[in-house]
Amino acid sequence: AGLRSLDGDIYKAAQIDGASPARMYLKIMVPAIWPIVVSVLVILLQMA
């Protein structure tokens, strides 16, 4: 849901710059949804 909420222009700009899919997700997409990542980690931690 976090990845789908990102602006598609970010994806296109990364492709134009020649970023590989792995680099694009690890360096651009995932950091852009960092608050959601933190929420997931906190929910999993309290579940544990």
All heavy atoms as atom14 arrays in JSON, in Angstrom:
{
  "sequence": "AGLRSLDGDIYKAAQIDGASPARMYLKIMVPAIWPIVVSVLVILLQMA",
  "atom14_mask": [
    [1, 1, 1, 1, 1, 0, 0, 0, 0, 0, 0, 0, 0, 0],
    [1, 1, 1, 1, 0, 0, 0, 0, 0, 0, 0, 0, 0, 0],
    [1, 1, 1, 1, 1, 1, 1, 1, 0, 0, 0, 0, 0, 0],
    [1, 1, 1, 1, 1, 1, 1, 1, 1, 1, 1, 0, 0, 0],
    [1, 1, 1, 1, 1, 1, 0, 0, 0, 0, 0, 0, 0, 0],
    [1, 1, 1, 1, 1, 1, 1, 1, 0, 0, 0, 0, 0, 0],
    [1, 1, 1, 1, 1, 1, 1, 1, 0, 0, 0, 0, 0, 0],
    [1, 1, 1, 1, 0, 0, 0, 0, 0, 0, 0, 0, 0, 0],
    [1, 1, 1, 1, 1, 1, 1, 1, 0, 0, 0, 0, 0, 0],
    [1, 1, 1, 1, 1, 1, 1, 1, 0, 0, 0, 0, 0, 0],
    [1, 1, 1, 1, 1, 1, 1, 1, 1, 1, 1, 1, 0, 0],
    [1, 1, 1, 1, 1, 1, 1, 1, 1, 0, 0, 0, 0, 0],
    [1, 1, 1, 1, 1, 0, 0, 0, 0, 0, 0, 0, 0, 0],
    [1, 1, 1, 1, 1, 0, 0, 0, 0, 0, 0, 0, 0, 0],
    [1, 1, 1, 1, 1, 1, 1, 1, 1, 0, 0, 0, 0, 0],
    [1, 1, 1, 1, 1, 1, 1, 1, 0, 0, 0, 0, 0, 0],
    [1, 1, 1, 1, 1, 1, 1, 1, 0, 0, 0, 0, 0, 0],
    [1, 1, 1, 1, 0, 0, 0, 0, 0, 0, 0, 0, 0, 0],
    [1, 1, 1, 1, 1, 0, 0, 0, 0, 0, 0, 0, 0, 0],
    [1, 1, 1, 1, 1, 1, 0, 0, 0, 0, 0, 0, 0, 0],
    [1, 1, 1, 1, 1, 1, 1, 0, 0, 0, 0, 0, 0, 0],
    [1, 1, 1, 1, 1, 0, 0, 0, 0, 0, 0, 0, 0, 0],
    [1, 1, 1, 1, 1, 1, 1, 1, 1, 1, 1, 0, 0, 0],
    [1, 1, 1, 1, 1, 1, 1, 1, 0, 0, 0, 0, 0, 0],
    [1, 1, 1, 1, 1, 1, 1, 1, 1, 1, 1, 1, 0, 0],
    [1, 1, 1, 1, 1, 1, 1, 1, 0, 0, 0, 0, 0, 0],
    [1, 1, 1, 1, 1, 1, 1, 1, 1, 0, 0, 0, 0, 0],
    [1, 1, 1, 1, 1, 1, 1, 1, 0, 0, 0, 0, 0, 0],
    [1, 1, 1, 1, 1, 1, 1, 1, 0, 0, 0, 0, 0, 0],
    [1, 1, 1, 1, 1, 1, 1, 0, 0, 0, 0, 0, 0, 0],
    [1, 1, 1, 1, 1, 1, 1, 0, 0, 0, 0, 0, 0, 0],
    [1, 1, 1, 1, 1, 0, 0, 0, 0, 0, 0, 0, 0, 0],
    [1, 1, 1, 1, 1, 1, 1, 1, 0, 0, 0, 0, 0, 0],
    [1, 1, 1, 1, 1, 1, 1, 1, 1, 1, 1, 1, 1, 1],
    [1, 1, 1, 1, 1, 1, 1, 0, 0, 0, 0, 0, 0, 0],
    [1, 1, 1, 1, 1, 1, 1, 1, 0, 0, 0, 0, 0, 0],
    [1, 1, 1, 1, 1, 1, 1, 0, 0, 0, 0, 0, 0, 0],
    [1, 1, 1, 1, 1, 1, 1, 0, 0, 0, 0, 0, 0, 0],
    [1, 1, 1, 1, 1, 1, 0, 0, 0, 0, 0, 0, 0, 0],
    [1, 1, 1, 1, 1, 1, 1, 0, 0, 0, 0, 0, 0, 0],
    [1, 1, 1, 1, 1, 1, 1, 1, 0, 0, 0, 0, 0, 0],
    [1, 1, 1, 1, 1, 1, 1, 0, 0, 0, 0, 0, 0, 0],
    [1, 1, 1, 1, 1, 1, 1, 1, 0, 0, 0, 0, 0, 0],
    [1, 1, 1, 1, 1, 1, 1, 1, 0, 0, 0, 0, 0, 0],
    [1, 1, 1, 1, 1, 1, 1, 1, 0, 0, 0, 0, 0, 0],
    [1, 1, 1, 1, 1, 1, 1, 1, 1, 0, 0, 0, 0, 0],
    [1, 1, 1, 1, 1, 1, 1, 1, 0, 0, 0, 0, 0, 0],
    [1, 1, 1, 1, 1, 0, 0, 0, 0, 0, 0, 0, 0, 0]
  ],
  "atom14_positions": [
    [[0.84, -1.21, 0.0], [0.0, 0.0, 0.0], [0.87, 1.26, 0.0], [0.56, 2.24, -0.67], [-0.93, -0.01, 1.21], [0.0, 0.0, 0.0], [0.0, 0.0, 0.0], [0.0, 0.0, 0.0], [0.0, 0.0, 0.0], [0.0, 0.0, 0.0], [0.0, 0.0, 0.0], [0.0, 0.0, 0.0], [0.0, 0.0, 0.0], [0.0, 0.0, 0.0]],
    [[1.99, 1.22, 0.75], [2.9, 2.35, 0.77], [3.56, 2.58, -0.58], [3.65, 3.72, -1.06], [0.0, 0.0, 0.0], [0.0, 0.0, 0.0], [0.0, 0.0, 0.0], [0.0, 0.0, 0.0], [0.0, 0.0, 0.0], [0.0, 0.0, 0.0], [0.0, 0.0, 0.0], [0.0, 0.0, 0.0], [0.0, 0.0, 0.0], [0.0, 0.0, 0.0]],
    [[4.01, 1.51, -1.22], [4.65, 1.63, -2.53], [3.66, 2.15, -3.58], [4.03, 2.98, -4.42], [5.21, 0.27, -2.97], [6.39, -0.27, -2.17], [6.74, -1.68, -2.61], [7.61, 0.64, -2.32], [0.0, 0.0, 0.0], [0.0, 0.0, 0.0], [0.0, 0.0, 0.0], [0.0, 0.0, 0.0], [0.0, 0.0, 0.0], [0.0, 0.0, 0.0]],
    [[2.43, 1.68, -3.5], [1.42, 2.12, -4.48], [0.99, 3.56, -4.25], [0.4, 4.18, -5.14], [0.21, 1.18, -4.42], [0.5, -0.23, -4.93], [0.58, -0.25, -6.43], [1.04, -1.51, -6.96], [0.27, -2.58, -7.18], [-1.01, -2.54, -6.88], [0.8, -3.67, -7.7], [0.0, 0.0, 0.0], [0.0, 0.0, 0.0], [0.0, 0.0, 0.0]],
    [[1.24, 4.09, -3.06], [0.84, 5.47, -2.77], [1.85, 6.5, -3.29], [1.57, 7.69, -3.3], [0.67, 5.65, -1.25], [1.92, 5.57, -0.59], [0.0, 0.0, 0.0], [0.0, 0.0, 0.0], [0.0, 0.0, 0.0], [0.0, 0.0, 0.0], [0.0, 0.0, 0.0], [0.0, 0.0, 0.0], [0.0, 0.0, 0.0], [0.0, 0.0, 0.0]],
    [[3.03, 6.04, -3.72], [4.05, 6.96, -4.2], [3.7, 7.5, -5.57], [3.03, 6.84, -6.37], [5.41, 6.25, -4.26], [6.0, 5.79, -2.93], [7.31, 5.05, -3.16], [6.24, 6.98, -2.0], [0.0, 0.0, 0.0], [0.0, 0.0, 0.0], [0.0, 0.0, 0.0], [0.0, 0.0, 0.0], [0.0, 0.0, 0.0], [0.0, 0.0, 0.0]],
    [[4.16, 8.7, -5.83], [3.95, 9.33, -7.13], [4.69, 8.54, -8.21], [5.87, 8.23, -8.07], [4.47, 10.78, -7.09], [4.04, 11.58, -8.31], [3.64, 10.97, -9.32], [4.1, 12.82, -8.24], [0.0, 0.0, 0.0], [0.0, 0.0, 0.0], [0.0, 0.0, 0.0], [0.0, 0.0, 0.0], [0.0, 0.0, 0.0], [0.0, 0.0, 0.0]],
    [[3.99, 8.21, -9.31], [4.61, 7.46, -10.39], [5.77, 8.18, -11.04], [6.63, 7.54, -11.66], [0.0, 0.0, 0.0], [0.0, 0.0, 0.0], [0.0, 0.0, 0.0], [0.0, 0.0, 0.0], [0.0, 0.0, 0.0], [0.0, 0.0, 0.0], [0.0, 0.0, 0.0], [0.0, 0.0, 0.0], [0.0, 0.0, 0.0], [0.0, 0.0, 0.0]],
    [[5.83, 9.5, -10.88], [6.94, 10.25, -11.49], [8.28, 9.88, -10.86], [9.32, 9.96, -11.51], [6.7, 11.76, -11.34], [5.52, 12.23, -12.17], [5.19, 11.53, -13.15], [4.94, 13.29, -11.86], [0.0, 0.0, 0.0], [0.0, 0.0, 0.0], [0.0, 0.0, 0.0], [0.0, 0.0, 0.0], [0.0, 0.0, 0.0], [0.0, 0.0, 0.0]],
    [[8.26, 9.48, -9.59], [9.5, 9.07, -8.93], [10.07, 7.84, -9.62], [11.27, 7.75, -9.9], [9.24, 8.77, -7.43], [8.75, 10.02, -6.71], [10.49, 8.23, -6.76], [8.39, 9.8, -5.27], [0.0, 0.0, 0.0], [0.0, 0.0, 0.0], [0.0, 0.0, 0.0], [0.0, 0.0, 0.0], [0.0, 0.0, 0.0], [0.0, 0.0, 0.0]],
    [[9.18, 6.9, -9.91], [9.59, 5.67, -10.59], [10.15, 5.97, -11.98], [11.21, 5.45, -12.37], [8.4, 4.74, -10.68], [8.68, 3.37, -11.22], [9.14, 2.36, -10.4], [8.47, 3.08, -12.57], [9.4, 1.09, -10.9], [8.73, 1.82, -13.08], [9.19, 0.83, -12.24], [9.45, -0.42, -12.75], [0.0, 0.0, 0.0], [0.0, 0.0, 0.0]],
    [[9.45, 6.84, -12.72], [9.89, 7.16, -14.08], [11.21, 7.91, -14.08], [12.08, 7.66, -14.92], [8.81, 8.01, -14.77], [7.52, 7.24, -15.02], [6.46, 8.15, -15.65], [5.14, 7.39, -15.84], [4.07, 8.26, -16.38], [0.0, 0.0, 0.0], [0.0, 0.0, 0.0], [0.0, 0.0, 0.0], [0.0, 0.0, 0.0], [0.0, 0.0, 0.0]],
    [[11.37, 8.82, -13.14], [12.63, 9.59, -13.05], [13.81, 8.68, -12.76], [14.9, 8.83, -13.32], [12.51, 10.67, -11.99], [0.0, 0.0, 0.0], [0.0, 0.0, 0.0], [0.0, 0.0, 0.0], [0.0, 0.0, 0.0], [0.0, 0.0, 0.0], [0.0, 0.0, 0.0], [0.0, 0.0, 0.0], [0.0, 0.0, 0.0], [0.0, 0.0, 0.0]],
    [[13.6, 7.7, -11.89], [14.67, 6.76, -11.56], [15.03, 5.91, -12.77], [16.21, 5.62, -13.01], [14.25, 5.87, -10.4], [0.0, 0.0, 0.0], [0.0, 0.0, 0.0], [0.0, 0.0, 0.0], [0.0, 0.0, 0.0], [0.0, 0.0, 0.0], [0.0, 0.0, 0.0], [0.0, 0.0, 0.0], [0.0, 0.0, 0.0], [0.0, 0.0, 0.0]],
    [[14.01, 5.51, -13.55], [14.28, 4.73, -14.75], [15.07, 5.54, -15.77], [15.99, 5.04, -16.41], [12.96, 4.26, -15.37], [12.31, 3.09, -14.65], [11.06, 2.62, -15.36], [10.25, 3.43, -15.83], [10.89, 1.3, -15.44], [0.0, 0.0, 0.0], [0.0, 0.0, 0.0], [0.0, 0.0, 0.0], [0.0, 0.0, 0.0], [0.0, 0.0, 0.0]],
    [[14.72, 6.82, -15.93], [15.43, 7.68, -16.88], [16.88, 7.86, -16.47], [17.79, 7.89, -17.31], [14.72, 9.05, -16.97], [13.34, 8.88, -17.62], [15.56, 10.05, -17.77], [12.49, 10.13, -17.6], [0.0, 0.0, 0.0], [0.0, 0.0, 0.0], [0.0, 0.0, 0.0], [0.0, 0.0, 0.0], [0.0, 0.0, 0.0], [0.0, 0.0, 0.0]],
    [[17.12, 7.93, -15.16], [18.49, 8.08, -14.66], [19.3, 6.8, -14.74], [20.49, 6.78, -14.42], [18.47, 8.57, -13.21], [17.99, 10.01, -13.1], [18.07, 10.73, -14.12], [17.54, 10.41, -12.01], [0.0, 0.0, 0.0], [0.0, 0.0, 0.0], [0.0, 0.0, 0.0], [0.0, 0.0, 0.0], [0.0, 0.0, 0.0], [0.0, 0.0, 0.0]],
    [[18.65, 5.72, -15.17], [19.36, 4.46, -15.35], [19.51, 3.62, -14.1], [20.35, 2.72, -14.06], [0.0, 0.0, 0.0], [0.0, 0.0, 0.0], [0.0, 0.0, 0.0], [0.0, 0.0, 0.0], [0.0, 0.0, 0.0], [0.0, 0.0, 0.0], [0.0, 0.0, 0.0], [0.0, 0.0, 0.0], [0.0, 0.0, 0.0], [0.0, 0.0, 0.0]],
    [[18.7, 3.88, -13.08], [18.79, 3.09, -11.84], [18.24, 1.69, -12.07], [17.2, 1.52, -12.71], [18.01, 3.79, -10.73], [0.0, 0.0, 0.0], [0.0, 0.0, 0.0], [0.0, 0.0, 0.0], [0.0, 0.0, 0.0], [0.0, 0.0, 0.0], [0.0, 0.0, 0.0], [0.0, 0.0, 0.0], [0.0, 0.0, 0.0], [0.0, 0.0, 0.0]],
    [[18.94, 0.7, -11.55], [18.46, -0.68, -11.64], [17.26, -0.84, -10.71], [17.11, -0.08, -9.74], [19.57, -1.65, -11.24], [19.91, -1.46, -9.88], [0.0, 0.0, 0.0], [0.0, 0.0, 0.0], [0.0, 0.0, 0.0], [0.0, 0.0, 0.0], [0.0, 0.0, 0.0], [0.0, 0.0, 0.0], [0.0, 0.0, 0.0], [0.0, 0.0, 0.0]],
    [[16.4, -1.84, -10.98], [15.23, -2.03, -10.11], [15.6, -2.2, -8.64], [14.95, -1.63, -7.76], [14.59, -3.31, -10.68], [15.0, -3.32, -12.11], [16.37, -2.74, -12.14], [0.0, 0.0, 0.0], [0.0, 0.0, 0.0], [0.0, 0.0, 0.0], [0.0, 0.0, 0.0], [0.0, 0.0, 0.0], [0.0, 0.0, 0.0], [0.0, 0.0, 0.0]],
    [[16.66, -2.99, -8.35], [17.06, -3.2, -6.95], [17.5, -1.9, -6.31], [17.11, -1.57, -5.18], [18.19, -4.24, -6.88], [0.0, 0.0, 0.0], [0.0, 0.0, 0.0], [0.0, 0.0, 0.0], [0.0, 0.0, 0.0], [0.0, 0.0, 0.0], [0.0, 0.0, 0.0], [0.0, 0.0, 0.0], [0.0, 0.0, 0.0], [0.0, 0.0, 0.0]],
    [[18.32, -1.12, -7.03], [18.8, 0.15, -6.49], [17.66, 1.15, -6.33], [17.61, 1.91, -5.37], [19.87, 0.72, -7.42], [20.55, 1.96, -6.88], [21.64, 2.44, -7.84], [22.33, 3.6, -7.32], [23.34, 3.57, -6.46], [23.77, 2.4, -6.02], [23.92, 4.67, -6.04], [0.0, 0.0, 0.0], [0.0, 0.0, 0.0], [0.0, 0.0, 0.0]],
    [[16.73, 1.11, -7.27], [15.61, 2.04, -7.23], [14.75, 1.81, -5.98], [14.35, 2.76, -5.3], [14.76, 1.87, -8.49], [13.55, 2.78, -8.56], [12.75, 2.66, -10.16], [12.43, 0.91, -10.25], [0.0, 0.0, 0.0], [0.0, 0.0, 0.0], [0.0, 0.0, 0.0], [0.0, 0.0, 0.0], [0.0, 0.0, 0.0], [0.0, 0.0, 0.0]],
    [[14.5, 0.54, -5.68], [13.66, 0.25, -4.51], [14.41, 0.5, -3.2], [13.86, 1.1, -2.27], [13.17, -1.2, -4.57], [11.93, -1.38, -5.41], [12.01, -1.87, -6.69], [10.68, -1.02, -4.91], [10.87, -2.03, -7.48], [9.53, -1.17, -5.68], [9.63, -1.68, -6.96], [8.51, -1.82, -7.72], [0.0, 0.0, 0.0], [0.0, 0.0, 0.0]],
    [[15.66, 0.06, -3.13], [16.41, 0.19, -1.88], [16.83, 1.62, -1.59], [16.88, 2.03, -0.42], [17.65, -0.72, -1.92], [17.36, -2.23, -1.93], [18.65, -3.02, -2.03], [16.58, -2.64, -0.69], [0.0, 0.0, 0.0], [0.0, 0.0, 0.0], [0.0, 0.0, 0.0], [0.0, 0.0, 0.0], [0.0, 0.0, 0.0], [0.0, 0.0, 0.0]],
    [[17.13, 2.39, -2.6], [17.65, 3.75, -2.41], [16.59, 4.84, -2.52], [16.77, 5.94, -1.99], [18.76, 4.03, -3.43], [19.97, 3.11, -3.32], [20.74, 3.36, -2.04], [22.03, 2.53, -1.99], [22.79, 2.78, -0.75], [0.0, 0.0, 0.0], [0.0, 0.0, 0.0], [0.0, 0.0, 0.0], [0.0, 0.0, 0.0], [0.0, 0.0, 0.0]],
    [[15.48, 4.53, -3.21], [14.49, 5.6, -3.47], [13.13, 5.25, -2.9], [12.57, 5.99, -2.08], [14.38, 5.85, -4.99], [15.73, 6.29, -5.56], [13.32, 6.91, -5.27], [15.77, 6.4, -7.06], [0.0, 0.0, 0.0], [0.0, 0.0, 0.0], [0.0, 0.0, 0.0], [0.0, 0.0, 0.0], [0.0, 0.0, 0.0], [0.0, 0.0, 0.0]],
    [[12.58, 4.11, -3.33], [11.19, 3.79, -2.99], [11.0, 3.47, -1.5], [10.11, 4.02, -0.84], [10.7, 2.61, -3.84], [10.97, 2.76, -5.32], [9.89, 3.98, -6.09], [8.46, 3.0, -6.46], [0.0, 0.0, 0.0], [0.0, 0.0, 0.0], [0.0, 0.0, 0.0], [0.0, 0.0, 0.0], [0.0, 0.0, 0.0], [0.0, 0.0, 0.0]],
    [[11.84, 2.57, -0.98], [11.69, 2.19, 0.44], [11.95, 3.37, 1.38], [11.17, 3.58, 2.32], [12.61, 1.0, 0.77], [12.59, 0.7, 2.27], [12.18, -0.25, 0.0], [0.0, 0.0, 0.0], [0.0, 0.0, 0.0], [0.0, 0.0, 0.0], [0.0, 0.0, 0.0], [0.0, 0.0, 0.0], [0.0, 0.0, 0.0], [0.0, 0.0, 0.0]],
    [[13.02, 4.17, 1.17], [13.18, 5.35, 2.03], [12.01, 6.31, 1.95], [11.7, 7.0, 2.93], [14.47, 6.0, 1.49], [15.24, 4.87, 0.91], [14.22, 3.96, 0.3], [0.0, 0.0, 0.0], [0.0, 0.0, 0.0], [0.0, 0.0, 0.0], [0.0, 0.0, 0.0], [0.0, 0.0, 0.0], [0.0, 0.0, 0.0], [0.0, 0.0, 0.0]],
    [[11.34, 6.35, 0.79], [10.2, 7.27, 0.63], [9.0, 6.83, 1.47], [8.14, 7.66, 1.81], [9.8, 7.37, -0.84], [0.0, 0.0, 0.0], [0.0, 0.0, 0.0], [0.0, 0.0, 0.0], [0.0, 0.0, 0.0], [0.0, 0.0, 0.0], [0.0, 0.0, 0.0], [0.0, 0.0, 0.0], [0.0, 0.0, 0.0], [0.0, 0.0, 0.0]],
    [[8.92, 5.55, 1.8], [7.81, 5.06, 2.63], [8.32, 4.68, 4.03], [7.73, 3.82, 4.69], [7.1, 3.86, 1.98], [8.08, 2.68, 1.8], [6.48, 4.24, 0.65], [7.41, 1.37, 1.43], [0.0, 0.0, 0.0], [0.0, 0.0, 0.0], [0.0, 0.0, 0.0], [0.0, 0.0, 0.0], [0.0, 0.0, 0.0], [0.0, 0.0, 0.0]],
    [[9.39, 5.34, 4.47], [10.0, 4.99, 5.75], [9.01, 5.03, 6.93], [9.05, 4.15, 7.8], [11.19, 5.89, 6.02], [11.93, 5.55, 7.27], [12.08, 6.3, 8.4], [12.63, 4.31, 7.54], [12.81, 5.62, 9.34], [13.16, 4.4, 8.85], [12.84, 3.14, 6.81], [13.89, 3.38, 9.43], [13.56, 2.11, 7.4], [14.08, 2.24, 8.69]],
    [[8.11, 6.02, 7.02], [7.15, 6.01, 8.13], [6.3, 4.74, 8.17], [5.99, 4.22, 9.24], [6.28, 7.25, 7.87], [7.18, 8.17, 7.11], [8.0, 7.27, 6.23], [0.0, 0.0, 0.0], [0.0, 0.0, 0.0], [0.0, 0.0, 0.0], [0.0, 0.0, 0.0], [0.0, 0.0, 0.0], [0.0, 0.0, 0.0], [0.0, 0.0, 0.0]],
    [[5.94, 4.22, 6.99], [5.17, 2.98, 6.94], [6.03, 1.8, 7.37], [5.56, 0.9, 8.08], [4.6, 2.75, 5.52], [3.61, 3.86, 5.18], [3.94, 1.39, 5.4], [3.03, 3.78, 3.79], [0.0, 0.0, 0.0], [0.0, 0.0, 0.0], [0.0, 0.0, 0.0], [0.0, 0.0, 0.0], [0.0, 0.0, 0.0], [0.0, 0.0, 0.0]],
    [[7.3, 1.81, 6.96], [8.22, 0.74, 7.37], [8.34, 0.72, 8.9], [8.3, -0.34, 9.52], [9.61, 0.94, 6.72], [10.61, -0.07, 7.28], [9.51, 0.82, 5.21], [0.0, 0.0, 0.0], [0.0, 0.0, 0.0], [0.0, 0.0, 0.0], [0.0, 0.0, 0.0], [0.0, 0.0, 0.0], [0.0, 0.0, 0.0], [0.0, 0.0, 0.0]],
    [[8.48, 1.9, 9.49], [8.58, 1.99, 10.95], [7.31, 1.46, 11.61], [7.36, 0.72, 12.6], [8.86, 3.44, 11.39], [8.77, 3.56, 12.91], [10.23, 3.89, 10.91], [0.0, 0.0, 0.0], [0.0, 0.0, 0.0], [0.0, 0.0, 0.0], [0.0, 0.0, 0.0], [0.0, 0.0, 0.0], [0.0, 0.0, 0.0], [0.0, 0.0, 0.0]],
    [[6.16, 1.81, 11.04], [4.88, 1.33, 11.59], [4.81, -0.19, 11.54], [4.36, -0.84, 12.5], [3.72, 1.93, 10.8], [3.7, 3.34, 10.93], [0.0, 0.0, 0.0], [0.0, 0.0, 0.0], [0.0, 0.0, 0.0], [0.0, 0.0, 0.0], [0.0, 0.0, 0.0], [0.0, 0.0, 0.0], [0.0, 0.0, 0.0], [0.0, 0.0, 0.0]],
    [[5.25, -0.77, 10.43], [5.25, -2.23, 10.29], [6.15, -2.87, 11.35], [5.77, -3.84, 12.0], [5.7, -2.64, 8.87], [5.95, -4.15, 8.81], [4.67, -2.23, 7.84], [0.0, 0.0, 0.0], [0.0, 0.0, 0.0], [0.0, 0.0, 0.0], [0.0, 0.0, 0.0], [0.0, 0.0, 0.0], [0.0, 0.0, 0.0], [0.0, 0.0, 0.0]],
    [[7.34, -2.31, 11.53], [8.28, -2.86, 12.52], [7.72, -2.77, 13.93], [7.86, -3.7, 14.73], [9.62, -2.11, 12.43], [10.4, -2.29, 11.12], [11.66, -1.43, 11.15], [10.76, -3.75, 10.88], [0.0, 0.0, 0.0], [0.0, 0.0, 0.0], [0.0, 0.0, 0.0], [0.0, 0.0, 0.0], [0.0, 0.0, 0.0], [0.0, 0.0, 0.0]],
    [[7.07, -1.65, 14.25], [6.51, -1.48, 15.59], [5.35, -2.46, 15.81], [5.24, -3.07, 16.89], [6.03, -0.03, 15.79], [5.21, 0.1, 17.08], [7.22, 0.92, 15.84], [0.0, 0.0, 0.0], [0.0, 0.0, 0.0], [0.0, 0.0, 0.0], [0.0, 0.0, 0.0], [0.0, 0.0, 0.0], [0.0, 0.0, 0.0], [0.0, 0.0, 0.0]],
    [[4.49, -2.62, 14.81], [3.37, -3.56, 14.94], [3.89, -4.99, 15.13], [3.4, -5.74, 15.98], [2.46, -3.48, 13.7], [1.75, -2.13, 13.66], [1.43, -4.61, 13.71], [0.98, -1.87, 12.39], [0.0, 0.0, 0.0], [0.0, 0.0, 0.0], [0.0, 0.0, 0.0], [0.0, 0.0, 0.0], [0.0, 0.0, 0.0], [0.0, 0.0, 0.0]],
    [[4.9, -5.36, 14.34], [5.47, -6.7, 14.48], [6.13, -6.89, 15.85], [6.04, -7.97, 16.45], [6.5, -6.95, 13.37], [5.96, -7.05, 11.94], [7.1, -7.2, 10.95], [4.98, -8.22, 11.8], [0.0, 0.0, 0.0], [0.0, 0.0, 0.0], [0.0, 0.0, 0.0], [0.0, 0.0, 0.0], [0.0, 0.0, 0.0], [0.0, 0.0, 0.0]],
    [[6.77, -5.82, 16.34], [7.42, -5.92, 17.65], [6.41, -6.12, 18.77], [6.61, -6.96, 19.65], [8.26, -4.66, 17.9], [9.04, -4.61, 19.22], [9.91, -5.84, 19.38], [9.87, -3.34, 19.31], [0.0, 0.0, 0.0], [0.0, 0.0, 0.0], [0.0, 0.0, 0.0], [0.0, 0.0, 0.0], [0.0, 0.0, 0.0], [0.0, 0.0, 0.0]],
    [[5.32, -5.36, 18.73], [4.32, -5.55, 19.79], [3.62, -6.89, 19.64], [3.22, -7.5, 20.63], [3.33, -4.38, 19.82], [2.51, -4.15, 18.57], [1.2, -4.93, 18.56], [0.77, -5.4, 19.6], [0.6, -5.06, 17.41], [0.0, 0.0, 0.0], [0.0, 0.0, 0.0], [0.0, 0.0, 0.0], [0.0, 0.0, 0.0], [0.0, 0.0, 0.0]],
    [[3.5, -7.41, 18.41], [2.96, -8.76, 18.22], [3.89, -9.8, 18.85], [3.43, -10.76, 19.47], [2.77, -9.05, 16.73], [1.61, -8.33, 16.08], [1.54, -8.57, 14.28], [1.28, -10.34, 14.2], [0.0, 0.0, 0.0], [0.0, 0.0, 0.0], [0.0, 0.0, 0.0], [0.0, 0.0, 0.0], [0.0, 0.0, 0.0], [0.0, 0.0, 0.0]],
    [[5.2, -9.58, 18.68], [6.17, -10.52, 19.24], [6.11, -10.53, 20.76], [6.13, -11.6, 21.39], [7.58, -10.14, 18.78], [0.0, 0.0, 0.0], [0.0, 0.0, 0.0], [0.0, 0.0, 0.0], [0.0, 0.0, 0.0], [0.0, 0.0, 0.0], [0.0, 0.0, 0.0], [0.0, 0.0, 0.0], [0.0, 0.0, 0.0], [0.0, 0.0, 0.0]]
  ]
}
